[in-house]
Amino acid sequence: MIYELRIYEAALGRLPDVNRRFETLTTKVWERIGIRQVGFWTTDIGVSGQLTYILAWESLAEREQKWAEFQADPEWREGRAKTEENGAIVAKVTNSFLTPTSYSALK
């Protein structure tokens, strides 16, 4: 397994909008496509205005194929445009690809 760690920095004051989009749109499209999420987190102590989540992939090839399908999905594209009618809700996205160690509880 390969895990993708993604951190979204919300535009100022827009974290509730980011969370709402994931809850009502993004995760539903992912389920249909077969993108597997490990979990989502917001920050209690530390940098505020961030949403952190992890996706699980069998391989980088699977990630490339399913992420391209997601980005091209008409429901996602239309829904994203609606959520951004008043401006972008995400200021910055960073991601890392992680491989579990031999002693990791999560493989």
N, C-alpha and C. Protein backbone atom coordinates (compact mmCIF):
# COMPACT_ATOMS: atom_id res chain seq x y z
N MET A 1 0.84 -1.18 0.00
CA MET A 1 0.00 0.00 0.00
C MET A 1 0.88 1.25 0.00
N ILE A 2 0.36 2.26 -0.62
CA ILE A 2 0.96 3.59 -0.58
C ILE A 2 -0.10 4.52 -0.02
N TYR A 3 0.30 5.40 0.86
CA TYR A 3 -0.63 6.35 1.46
C TYR A 3 -0.27 7.75 0.99
N GLU A 4 -1.29 8.51 0.67
CA GLU A 4 -1.09 9.89 0.24
C GLU A 4 -1.61 10.81 1.33
N LEU A 5 -0.72 11.60 1.87
CA LEU A 5 -1.05 12.59 2.89
C LEU A 5 -1.28 13.91 2.18
N ARG A 6 -2.47 14.48 2.36
CA ARG A 6 -2.81 15.75 1.71
C ARG A 6 -3.23 16.76 2.77
N ILE A 7 -2.70 17.97 2.66
CA ILE A 7 -3.03 19.05 3.59
C ILE A 7 -3.56 20.22 2.79
N TYR A 8 -4.78 20.62 3.12
CA TYR A 8 -5.43 21.75 2.46
C TYR A 8 -5.40 22.93 3.40
N GLU A 9 -4.85 24.03 2.94
CA GLU A 9 -4.93 25.29 3.67
C GLU A 9 -6.11 26.04 3.09
N ALA A 10 -7.13 26.25 3.91
CA ALA A 10 -8.34 26.93 3.45
C ALA A 10 -8.06 28.42 3.26
N ALA A 11 -8.77 29.02 2.30
CA ALA A 11 -8.74 30.47 2.18
C ALA A 11 -9.29 31.03 3.49
N LEU A 12 -8.87 32.23 3.83
CA LEU A 12 -9.24 32.84 5.11
C LEU A 12 -10.75 32.74 5.37
N GLY A 13 -11.10 32.10 6.48
CA GLY A 13 -12.49 31.97 6.89
C GLY A 13 -13.29 30.93 6.13
N ARG A 14 -12.64 30.15 5.25
CA ARG A 14 -13.39 29.24 4.38
C ARG A 14 -13.26 27.76 4.75
N LEU A 15 -12.64 27.44 5.91
CA LEU A 15 -12.53 26.03 6.30
C LEU A 15 -13.90 25.35 6.40
N PRO A 16 -14.93 26.01 6.94
CA PRO A 16 -16.24 25.34 6.95
C PRO A 16 -16.72 24.97 5.54
N ASP A 17 -16.42 25.81 4.57
CA ASP A 17 -16.81 25.51 3.18
C ASP A 17 -16.02 24.33 2.63
N VAL A 18 -14.74 24.25 2.97
CA VAL A 18 -13.91 23.12 2.53
C VAL A 18 -14.47 21.82 3.12
N ASN A 19 -14.75 21.83 4.42
CA ASN A 19 -15.31 20.63 5.06
C ASN A 19 -16.65 20.24 4.46
N ARG A 20 -17.50 21.21 4.21
CA ARG A 20 -18.82 20.93 3.62
C ARG A 20 -18.67 20.30 2.24
N ARG A 21 -17.73 20.82 1.43
CA ARG A 21 -17.54 20.26 0.09
C ARG A 21 -17.08 18.81 0.16
N PHE A 22 -16.15 18.51 1.06
CA PHE A 22 -15.71 17.12 1.20
C PHE A 22 -16.85 16.23 1.67
N GLU A 23 -17.62 16.70 2.65
CA GLU A 23 -18.69 15.89 3.22
C GLU A 23 -19.83 15.63 2.24
N THR A 24 -20.20 16.64 1.46
CA THR A 24 -21.39 16.51 0.62
C THR A 24 -21.11 16.18 -0.83
N LEU A 25 -19.87 16.37 -1.29
CA LEU A 25 -19.58 16.15 -2.71
C LEU A 25 -18.38 15.24 -2.92
N THR A 26 -17.22 15.67 -2.47
CA THR A 26 -15.97 14.99 -2.82
C THR A 26 -15.98 13.52 -2.43
N THR A 27 -16.30 13.22 -1.18
CA THR A 27 -16.23 11.82 -0.72
C THR A 27 -17.25 10.95 -1.43
N LYS A 28 -18.38 11.51 -1.83
CA LYS A 28 -19.38 10.74 -2.57
C LYS A 28 -18.88 10.38 -3.97
N VAL A 29 -18.21 11.32 -4.62
CA VAL A 29 -17.62 11.03 -5.93
C VAL A 29 -16.51 9.99 -5.77
N TRP A 30 -15.69 10.14 -4.74
CA TRP A 30 -14.62 9.16 -4.49
C TRP A 30 -15.18 7.76 -4.32
N GLU A 31 -16.26 7.63 -3.54
CA GLU A 31 -16.86 6.31 -3.32
C GLU A 31 -17.27 5.67 -4.64
N ARG A 32 -17.86 6.46 -5.51
CA ARG A 32 -18.30 5.95 -6.81
C ARG A 32 -17.11 5.50 -7.66
N ILE A 33 -16.01 6.25 -7.60
CA ILE A 33 -14.82 5.96 -8.40
C ILE A 33 -13.96 4.86 -7.77
N GLY A 34 -14.05 4.71 -6.45
CA GLY A 34 -13.24 3.71 -5.76
C GLY A 34 -11.99 4.27 -5.10
N ILE A 35 -12.01 5.57 -4.82
CA ILE A 35 -10.90 6.18 -4.07
C ILE A 35 -11.16 5.94 -2.59
N ARG A 36 -10.16 5.38 -1.90
CA ARG A 36 -10.31 4.99 -0.50
C ARG A 36 -9.65 6.00 0.44
N GLN A 37 -10.46 6.56 1.31
CA GLN A 37 -9.91 7.48 2.31
C GLN A 37 -9.65 6.72 3.61
N VAL A 38 -8.54 7.09 4.26
CA VAL A 38 -8.19 6.52 5.56
C VAL A 38 -8.82 7.35 6.66
N GLY A 39 -8.81 8.67 6.51
CA GLY A 39 -9.41 9.56 7.50
C GLY A 39 -9.15 11.01 7.18
N PHE A 40 -9.92 11.86 7.87
CA PHE A 40 -9.82 13.31 7.75
C PHE A 40 -9.63 13.91 9.14
N TRP A 41 -8.86 14.99 9.22
CA TRP A 41 -8.61 15.65 10.49
C TRP A 41 -8.56 17.16 10.31
N THR A 42 -9.02 17.88 11.32
CA THR A 42 -8.77 19.31 11.43
C THR A 42 -7.83 19.50 12.61
N THR A 43 -7.21 20.65 12.69
CA THR A 43 -6.18 20.90 13.69
C THR A 43 -6.78 21.56 14.93
N ASP A 44 -6.57 20.97 16.11
CA ASP A 44 -7.00 21.57 17.37
C ASP A 44 -5.91 22.49 17.92
N ILE A 45 -4.67 22.02 17.85
CA ILE A 45 -3.53 22.80 18.33
C ILE A 45 -2.49 22.79 17.21
N GLY A 46 -2.04 23.97 16.83
CA GLY A 46 -1.09 24.08 15.72
C GLY A 46 -1.62 25.05 14.69
N VAL A 47 -1.29 24.81 13.44
CA VAL A 47 -1.71 25.69 12.36
C VAL A 47 -3.22 25.54 12.15
N SER A 48 -3.94 26.65 12.23
CA SER A 48 -5.39 26.60 12.06
C SER A 48 -5.75 26.75 10.59
N GLY A 49 -7.01 26.47 10.28
CA GLY A 49 -7.49 26.63 8.92
C GLY A 49 -7.04 25.56 7.96
N GLN A 50 -6.70 24.38 8.50
CA GLN A 50 -6.23 23.29 7.65
C GLN A 50 -7.12 22.07 7.77
N LEU A 51 -7.23 21.35 6.67
CA LEU A 51 -7.85 20.04 6.64
C LEU A 51 -6.78 19.06 6.17
N THR A 52 -6.55 18.02 6.95
CA THR A 52 -5.56 17.01 6.62
C THR A 52 -6.28 15.69 6.39
N TYR A 53 -5.89 14.97 5.34
CA TYR A 53 -6.49 13.66 5.13
C TYR A 53 -5.49 12.73 4.47
N ILE A 54 -5.82 11.43 4.54
CA ILE A 54 -4.97 10.39 3.97
C ILE A 54 -5.81 9.51 3.05
N LEU A 55 -5.25 9.22 1.88
CA LEU A 55 -5.86 8.29 0.92
C LEU A 55 -4.98 7.05 0.82
N ALA A 56 -5.59 5.90 0.57
CA ALA A 56 -4.86 4.63 0.43
C ALA A 56 -4.89 4.18 -1.02
N TRP A 57 -3.73 3.82 -1.53
CA TRP A 57 -3.60 3.39 -2.92
C TRP A 57 -2.85 2.06 -2.97
N GLU A 58 -3.23 1.20 -3.91
CA GLU A 58 -2.49 -0.04 -4.14
C GLU A 58 -1.14 0.26 -4.80
N SER A 59 -1.11 1.31 -5.64
CA SER A 59 0.11 1.65 -6.38
C SER A 59 -0.01 3.09 -6.87
N LEU A 60 1.10 3.65 -7.34
CA LEU A 60 1.06 4.98 -7.94
C LEU A 60 0.27 4.95 -9.24
N ALA A 61 0.30 3.84 -9.95
CA ALA A 61 -0.48 3.72 -11.19
C ALA A 61 -1.97 3.80 -10.89
N GLU A 62 -2.41 3.13 -9.83
CA GLU A 62 -3.82 3.22 -9.45
C GLU A 62 -4.17 4.66 -9.10
N ARG A 63 -3.30 5.32 -8.36
CA ARG A 63 -3.54 6.71 -7.97
C ARG A 63 -3.68 7.59 -9.21
N GLU A 64 -2.76 7.43 -10.15
CA GLU A 64 -2.78 8.25 -11.36
C GLU A 64 -4.09 8.06 -12.13
N GLN A 65 -4.51 6.81 -12.29
CA GLN A 65 -5.72 6.50 -13.06
C GLN A 65 -6.97 7.04 -12.36
N LYS A 66 -7.11 6.75 -11.08
CA LYS A 66 -8.33 7.16 -10.37
C LYS A 66 -8.36 8.66 -10.11
N TRP A 67 -7.21 9.29 -9.88
CA TRP A 67 -7.19 10.74 -9.66
C TRP A 67 -7.56 11.47 -10.95
N ALA A 68 -7.09 10.96 -12.08
CA ALA A 68 -7.46 11.56 -13.37
C ALA A 68 -8.96 11.42 -13.61
N GLU A 69 -9.50 10.27 -13.28
CA GLU A 69 -10.94 10.04 -13.42
C GLU A 69 -11.72 11.01 -12.52
N PHE A 70 -11.25 11.18 -11.31
CA PHE A 70 -11.90 12.12 -10.38
C PHE A 70 -11.86 13.55 -10.92
N GLN A 71 -10.69 14.00 -11.36
CA GLN A 71 -10.55 15.37 -11.86
C GLN A 71 -11.43 15.64 -13.07
N ALA A 72 -11.70 14.61 -13.88
CA ALA A 72 -12.51 14.76 -15.08
C ALA A 72 -14.00 14.52 -14.83
N ASP A 73 -14.36 14.06 -13.64
CA ASP A 73 -15.74 13.69 -13.35
C ASP A 73 -16.68 14.90 -13.46
N PRO A 74 -17.74 14.82 -14.26
CA PRO A 74 -18.65 15.95 -14.43
C PRO A 74 -19.33 16.40 -13.14
N GLU A 75 -19.72 15.45 -12.28
CA GLU A 75 -20.36 15.82 -11.01
C GLU A 75 -19.39 16.62 -10.14
N TRP A 76 -18.12 16.18 -10.08
CA TRP A 76 -17.10 16.88 -9.31
C TRP A 76 -16.85 18.27 -9.88
N ARG A 77 -16.68 18.36 -11.18
CA ARG A 77 -16.37 19.65 -11.82
C ARG A 77 -17.49 20.67 -11.61
N GLU A 78 -18.72 20.22 -11.78
CA GLU A 78 -19.87 21.12 -11.59
C GLU A 78 -20.00 21.52 -10.12
N GLY A 79 -19.88 20.54 -9.22
CA GLY A 79 -19.99 20.83 -7.79
C GLY A 79 -18.88 21.75 -7.30
N ARG A 80 -17.68 21.52 -7.77
CA ARG A 80 -16.55 22.37 -7.37
C ARG A 80 -16.80 23.81 -7.83
N ALA A 81 -17.24 23.97 -9.05
CA ALA A 81 -17.51 25.32 -9.57
C ALA A 81 -18.55 26.03 -8.71
N LYS A 82 -19.58 25.30 -8.29
CA LYS A 82 -20.62 25.92 -7.45
C LYS A 82 -20.06 26.37 -6.11
N THR A 83 -19.16 25.55 -5.53
CA THR A 83 -18.61 25.91 -4.22
C THR A 83 -17.65 27.08 -4.30
N GLU A 84 -17.20 27.40 -5.51
CA GLU A 84 -16.23 28.48 -5.69
C GLU A 84 -16.84 29.70 -6.38
N GLU A 85 -18.16 29.78 -6.41
CA GLU A 85 -18.81 30.93 -7.04
C GLU A 85 -18.42 32.25 -6.39
N ASN A 86 -18.13 32.21 -5.09
CA ASN A 86 -17.73 33.42 -4.36
C ASN A 86 -16.23 33.47 -4.11
N GLY A 87 -15.47 32.74 -4.91
CA GLY A 87 -14.02 32.72 -4.77
C GLY A 87 -13.51 31.37 -4.32
N ALA A 88 -12.23 31.17 -4.49
CA ALA A 88 -11.58 29.91 -4.11
C ALA A 88 -11.74 29.66 -2.61
N ILE A 89 -11.96 28.41 -2.25
CA ILE A 89 -12.06 28.07 -0.83
C ILE A 89 -10.78 27.42 -0.31
N VAL A 90 -9.91 27.01 -1.23
CA VAL A 90 -8.63 26.41 -0.86
C VAL A 90 -7.51 27.32 -1.36
N ALA A 91 -6.62 27.70 -0.43
CA ALA A 91 -5.50 28.57 -0.79
C ALA A 91 -4.29 27.77 -1.26
N LYS A 92 -4.08 26.58 -0.67
CA LYS A 92 -2.87 25.80 -0.98
C LYS A 92 -3.11 24.34 -0.64
N VAL A 93 -2.55 23.47 -1.46
CA VAL A 93 -2.60 22.03 -1.21
C VAL A 93 -1.18 21.49 -1.24
N THR A 94 -0.82 20.70 -0.24
CA THR A 94 0.45 19.98 -0.27
C THR A 94 0.16 18.50 -0.12
N ASN A 95 0.97 17.68 -0.76
CA ASN A 95 0.77 16.25 -0.61
C ASN A 95 2.11 15.53 -0.59
N SER A 96 2.09 14.38 0.09
CA SER A 96 3.25 13.50 0.20
C SER A 96 2.78 12.08 0.01
N PHE A 97 3.64 11.24 -0.53
CA PHE A 97 3.34 9.82 -0.67
C PHE A 97 4.18 9.07 0.35
N LEU A 98 3.51 8.22 1.12
CA LEU A 98 4.14 7.52 2.24
C LEU A 98 4.05 6.02 2.05
N THR A 99 5.13 5.33 2.35
CA THR A 99 5.16 3.87 2.32
C THR A 99 5.36 3.39 3.76
N PRO A 100 4.51 2.48 4.25
CA PRO A 100 4.65 2.00 5.62
C PRO A 100 5.98 1.26 5.84
N THR A 101 6.52 1.42 7.02
CA THR A 101 7.71 0.67 7.40
C THR A 101 7.31 -0.76 7.76
N SER A 102 8.27 -1.63 7.93
CA SER A 102 7.99 -3.03 8.27
C SER A 102 7.36 -3.14 9.65
N TYR A 103 7.54 -2.16 10.51
CA TYR A 103 7.01 -2.22 11.87
C TYR A 103 5.78 -1.33 12.07
N SER A 104 5.23 -0.81 11.00
CA SER A 104 4.05 0.05 11.08
C SER A 104 2.80 -0.78 11.34
N ALA A 105 1.93 -0.29 12.22
CA ALA A 105 0.65 -0.95 12.48
C ALA A 105 -0.26 -0.87 11.26
N LEU A 106 -0.12 0.20 10.51
CA LEU A 106 -0.91 0.40 9.30
C LEU A 106 -0.06 -0.02 8.11
N LYS A 107 -0.49 -1.04 7.41
CA LYS A 107 0.28 -1.55 6.26
C LYS A 107 -0.41 -1.10 5.01
